Amino acid sequence: MSEIHELYDQADQLKRKGKLEEAVAKYQDILIEDANYALAHAALAVVQGRLGKHEEAVEHAQRVCQLDPHDPFSYTQLSVICQRAYAGTNNQDYIQKAEQAMAYSRTMQEHM
C-alpha cells in the first residue's frame, strides 16, 4: 500500500475516534504529498465543518468539484457542506452556494 493510502487510513481512523484535529493534520500531510488527492479534500471538508471551520470546509468541497467536475456526488457534497456552513454562520452566501451546487448536481444526473 502506498504511503498516501496509509496516511489516509490513519486519518480516517482518527476521524472515527473523534480526534478531529489530528485527522486534519494527517489529511494535510496527504495534500503535501499530492495536492490533488480528492479523497483527502472531501474528508477535510467534512472534518473542518465538524470543527466549525466552515470557510475551510467549503474550500475543500469546492476543490473536490474542481478535481472531479463530472461527478454529481461532488456537487451534492458541496451543497451539504454549504448547508452546514449556513447553519453554523447564518451567512446567506453559503445557502446560495448550496442551492447552486445542488442544481448543478441534478442537471448532471439528468444527462447521465
Protein backbone atom coordinates (compact mmCIF):
# COMPACT_ATOMS: atom_id res chain seq x y z
CA MET A 1 0.00 0.00 0.00
CA SER A 2 1.33 3.42 -0.84
CA GLU A 3 2.25 5.96 1.80
CA ILE A 4 -0.66 8.21 0.84
CA HIS A 5 -3.15 5.38 1.26
CA GLU A 6 -1.64 4.53 4.64
CA LEU A 7 -1.89 8.16 5.75
CA TYR A 8 -5.49 8.29 4.55
CA ASP A 9 -6.36 5.16 6.55
CA GLN A 10 -4.68 6.62 9.65
CA ALA A 11 -6.54 9.91 9.22
CA ASP A 12 -9.83 8.09 8.72
CA GLN A 13 -9.28 6.11 11.93
CA LEU A 14 -8.56 9.33 13.83
CA LYS A 15 -11.73 10.87 12.41
CA ARG A 16 -13.80 7.87 13.53
CA LYS A 17 -12.30 8.12 17.02
CA GLY A 18 -13.29 11.80 17.21
CA LYS A 19 -9.70 13.03 17.10
CA LEU A 20 -10.57 15.62 14.51
CA GLU A 21 -7.60 17.97 14.83
CA GLU A 22 -5.22 15.02 14.50
CA ALA A 23 -7.17 13.79 11.48
CA VAL A 24 -6.90 17.23 9.88
CA ALA A 25 -3.12 17.13 10.30
CA LYS A 26 -2.93 13.70 8.60
CA TYR A 27 -5.16 14.77 5.72
CA GLN A 28 -3.00 17.86 5.28
CA ASP A 29 0.10 15.64 5.20
CA ILE A 30 -1.52 13.80 2.31
CA LEU A 31 -2.10 17.05 0.45
CA ILE A 32 1.56 17.97 0.89
CA GLU A 33 2.38 14.77 -0.99
CA ASP A 34 -0.42 15.12 -3.55
CA ALA A 35 -2.35 18.39 -3.61
CA ASN A 36 -4.89 16.82 -5.98
CA TYR A 37 -5.90 13.87 -3.78
CA ALA A 38 -9.65 14.36 -3.93
CA LEU A 39 -10.49 11.96 -1.09
CA ALA A 40 -8.37 13.99 1.33
CA HIS A 41 -10.11 17.20 0.25
CA ALA A 42 -13.52 15.54 0.66
CA ALA A 43 -12.64 14.28 4.13
CA LEU A 44 -11.24 17.67 5.13
CA ALA A 45 -14.49 19.30 4.03
CA VAL A 46 -16.39 17.10 6.47
CA VAL A 47 -13.93 17.34 9.35
CA GLN A 48 -13.40 21.09 9.06
CA GLY A 49 -17.16 21.53 9.06
CA ARG A 50 -17.45 19.49 12.25
CA LEU A 51 -14.79 21.71 13.79
CA GLY A 52 -16.80 24.81 12.87
CA LYS A 53 -14.23 25.91 10.30
CA HIS A 54 -16.86 26.44 7.64
CA GLU A 55 -14.85 28.54 5.20
CA GLU A 56 -12.13 25.90 5.05
CA ALA A 57 -14.75 23.15 4.73
CA VAL A 58 -16.35 24.86 1.74
CA GLU A 59 -12.95 25.49 0.12
CA HIS A 60 -12.10 21.79 0.31
CA ALA A 61 -15.51 20.76 -1.04
CA GLN A 62 -15.08 23.21 -3.92
CA ARG A 63 -11.64 21.75 -4.62
CA VAL A 64 -13.19 18.28 -4.94
CA CYS A 65 -15.54 19.69 -7.59
CA GLN A 66 -12.61 21.20 -9.45
CA LEU A 67 -10.72 17.91 -9.36
CA ASP A 68 -13.69 15.82 -10.48
CA PRO A 69 -16.05 18.21 -12.29
CA HIS A 70 -18.11 15.41 -13.86
CA ASP A 71 -19.09 13.69 -10.61
CA PRO A 72 -22.54 14.80 -9.45
CA PHE A 73 -21.85 13.50 -5.93
CA SER A 74 -19.03 16.04 -5.56
CA TYR A 75 -21.55 18.83 -6.08
CA THR A 76 -24.05 17.16 -3.75
CA GLN A 77 -21.35 17.06 -1.07
CA LEU A 78 -20.55 20.73 -1.74
CA SER A 79 -24.23 21.53 -1.28
CA VAL A 80 -24.40 19.69 2.05
CA ILE A 81 -21.18 21.32 3.30
CA CYS A 82 -22.56 24.74 2.34
CA GLN A 83 -25.87 23.99 4.09
CA ARG A 84 -23.99 23.10 7.25
CA ALA A 85 -21.87 26.23 6.90
CA TYR A 86 -25.06 28.29 6.63
CA ALA A 87 -26.48 26.58 9.72
CA GLY A 88 -23.30 27.41 11.62
CA THR A 89 -22.96 31.01 10.47
CA ASN A 90 -26.30 32.25 9.07
CA ASN A 91 -24.28 33.60 6.14
CA GLN A 92 -26.66 33.74 3.17
CA ASP A 93 -23.78 33.28 0.72
CA TYR A 94 -23.50 29.67 1.85
CA ILE A 95 -27.14 28.88 1.17
CA GLN A 96 -26.85 30.36 -2.32
CA LYS A 97 -23.77 28.21 -3.00
CA ALA A 98 -25.63 25.18 -1.66
CA GLU A 99 -28.57 25.75 -3.99
CA GLN A 100 -26.29 26.30 -7.00
CA ALA A 101 -24.29 23.16 -6.29
CA MET A 102 -27.42 21.03 -5.86
CA ALA A 103 -28.95 22.39 -9.07
CA TYR A 104 -25.74 21.60 -10.94
CA SER A 105 -25.66 18.09 -9.48
CA ARG A 106 -29.24 17.43 -10.57
CA THR A 107 -28.54 18.73 -14.08
CA MET A 108 -25.56 16.44 -14.37
CA GLN A 109 -27.60 13.44 -13.19
CA GLU A 110 -30.31 14.15 -15.75
CA HIS A 111 -27.72 13.99 -18.54
CA MET A 112 -26.10 10.73 -17.44
